[in-house]
Amino acid sequence: MKTTTTLRSNKILLSIIASLLLACNAQIPQKTKALYLGYHDLTARYNGYFNAKLILSTALKEKIRDYQDNYA
């Protein structure tokens, strides 16, 4: 009996916390929203450069590893 009451109260508490978090995230102030979007734009731009550099270095390492001299 006690475990079912505890489970029910835990579910209710979890649903209250989840709804509060969703309500807080839905109402982002304008100043914070602009800051967030600026940060997102900055990281999204340089994320592409980072991924390209990583792919290039991986391809170069593979090329050096697989290279065989042909003296024939």
C-alpha atoms as a PDB file:
ATOM      1  CA  MET A   1       0.000   0.000   0.000  1.00  0.00           C
ATOM      2  CA  LYS A   2       2.779   2.363   0.905  1.00  0.00           C
ATOM      3  CA  THR A   3       4.692   1.763  -2.351  1.00  0.00           C
ATOM      4  CA  THR A   4       1.684   2.559  -4.546  1.00  0.00           C
ATOM      5  CA  THR A   5       1.116   5.812  -2.670  1.00  0.00           C
ATOM      6  CA  THR A   6       4.801   6.660  -3.024  1.00  0.00           C
ATOM      7  CA  LEU A   7       4.733   5.864  -6.737  1.00  0.00           C
ATOM      8  CA  ARG A   8       1.631   7.979  -7.244  1.00  0.00           C
ATOM      9  CA  SER A   9       3.115  10.925  -5.354  1.00  0.00           C
ATOM     10  CA  ASN A  10       6.395  10.581  -7.293  1.00  0.00           C
ATOM     11  CA  LYS A  11       4.503  10.639 -10.600  1.00  0.00           C
ATOM     12  CA  ILE A  12       2.538  13.697  -9.546  1.00  0.00           C
ATOM     13  CA  LEU A  13       5.695  15.482  -8.397  1.00  0.00           C
ATOM     14  CA  LEU A  14       7.487  14.593 -11.618  1.00  0.00           C
ATOM     15  CA  SER A  15       4.613  15.861 -13.753  1.00  0.00           C
ATOM     16  CA  ILE A  16       4.505  19.138 -11.796  1.00  0.00           C
ATOM     17  CA  ILE A  17       8.245  19.659 -12.230  1.00  0.00           C
ATOM     18  CA  ALA A  18       8.068  18.834 -15.947  1.00  0.00           C
ATOM     19  CA  SER A  19       5.194  21.249 -16.527  1.00  0.00           C
ATOM     20  CA  LEU A  20       7.040  24.013 -14.642  1.00  0.00           C
ATOM     21  CA  LEU A  21      10.149  23.481 -16.744  1.00  0.00           C
ATOM     22  CA  LEU A  22       8.133  23.604 -19.944  1.00  0.00           C
ATOM     23  CA  ALA A  23       6.377  26.764 -18.826  1.00  0.00           C
ATOM     24  CA  CYS A  24       9.687  28.436 -17.975  1.00  0.00           C
ATOM     25  CA  ASN A  25      11.242  27.523 -21.313  1.00  0.00           C
ATOM     26  CA  ALA A  26       8.265  28.720 -23.330  1.00  0.00           C
ATOM     27  CA  GLN A  27       8.578  32.307 -22.065  1.00  0.00           C
ATOM     28  CA  ILE A  28      12.141  33.364 -22.906  1.00  0.00           C
ATOM     29  CA  PRO A  29      12.711  37.102 -22.306  1.00  0.00           C
ATOM     30  CA  GLN A  30      13.623  39.124 -25.393  1.00  0.00           C
ATOM     31  CA  LYS A  31      17.108  40.047 -24.125  1.00  0.00           C
ATOM     32  CA  THR A  32      17.952  36.445 -23.270  1.00  0.00           C
ATOM     33  CA  LYS A  33      16.516  35.244 -26.559  1.00  0.00           C
ATOM     34  CA  ALA A  34      18.770  37.594 -28.538  1.00  0.00           C
ATOM     35  CA  LEU A  35      21.792  36.478 -26.513  1.00  0.00           C
ATOM     36  CA  TYR A  36      20.867  32.832 -27.037  1.00  0.00           C
ATOM     37  CA  LEU A  37      20.401  33.268 -30.790  1.00  0.00           C
ATOM     38  CA  GLY A  38      23.718  35.130 -31.097  1.00  0.00           C
ATOM     39  CA  TYR A  39      25.522  32.355 -29.246  1.00  0.00           C
ATOM     40  CA  HIS A  40      23.804  29.714 -31.376  1.00  0.00           C
ATOM     41  CA  ASP A  41      24.792  31.503 -34.607  1.00  0.00           C
ATOM     42  CA  LEU A  42      28.409  31.758 -33.457  1.00  0.00           C
ATOM     43  CA  THR A  43      28.722  28.108 -32.459  1.00  0.00           C
ATOM     44  CA  ALA A  44      26.876  26.870 -35.548  1.00  0.00           C
ATOM     45  CA  ARG A  45      29.229  28.812 -37.823  1.00  0.00           C
ATOM     46  CA  TYR A  46      32.438  27.544 -36.236  1.00  0.00           C
ATOM     47  CA  ASN A  47      31.091  24.020 -35.800  1.00  0.00           C
ATOM     48  CA  GLY A  48      31.294  23.608 -39.579  1.00  0.00           C
ATOM     49  CA  TYR A  49      34.916  24.758 -39.607  1.00  0.00           C
ATOM     50  CA  PHE A  50      35.754  22.351 -36.774  1.00  0.00           C
ATOM     51  CA  ASN A  51      34.111  19.408 -38.538  1.00  0.00           C
ATOM     52  CA  ALA A  52      35.857  20.226 -41.827  1.00  0.00           C
ATOM     53  CA  LYS A  53      39.236  20.447 -40.089  1.00  0.00           C
ATOM     54  CA  LEU A  54      38.605  17.127 -38.336  1.00  0.00           C
ATOM     55  CA  ILE A  55      37.630  15.389 -41.591  1.00  0.00           C
ATOM     56  CA  LEU A  56      40.641  16.850 -43.394  1.00  0.00           C
ATOM     57  CA  SER A  57      43.095  15.741 -40.724  1.00  0.00           C
ATOM     58  CA  THR A  58      41.575  12.241 -40.651  1.00  0.00           C
ATOM     59  CA  ALA A  59      41.802  11.930 -44.444  1.00  0.00           C
ATOM     60  CA  LEU A  60      45.409  13.156 -44.395  1.00  0.00           C
ATOM     61  CA  LYS A  61      46.395  10.631 -41.726  1.00  0.00           C
ATOM     62  CA  GLU A  62      44.775   7.824 -43.723  1.00  0.00           C
ATOM     63  CA  LYS A  63      46.540   8.969 -46.896  1.00  0.00           C
ATOM     64  CA  ILE A  64      49.924   9.011 -45.134  1.00  0.00           C
ATOM     65  CA  ARG A  65      49.266   5.630 -43.511  1.00  0.00           C
ATOM     66  CA  ASP A  66      48.205   3.926 -46.768  1.00  0.00           C
ATOM     67  CA  TYR A  67      50.856   5.482 -49.029  1.00  0.00           C
ATOM     68  CA  GLN A  68      53.310   3.062 -50.615  1.00  0.00           C
ATOM     69  CA  ASP A  69      56.348   4.100 -52.584  1.00  0.00           C
ATOM     70  CA  ASN A  70      56.571   2.687 -56.094  1.00  0.00           C
ATOM     71  CA  TYR A  71      60.214   2.626 -57.242  1.00  0.00           C
ATOM     72  CA  ALA A  72      59.592   0.387 -60.225  1.00  0.00           C
END
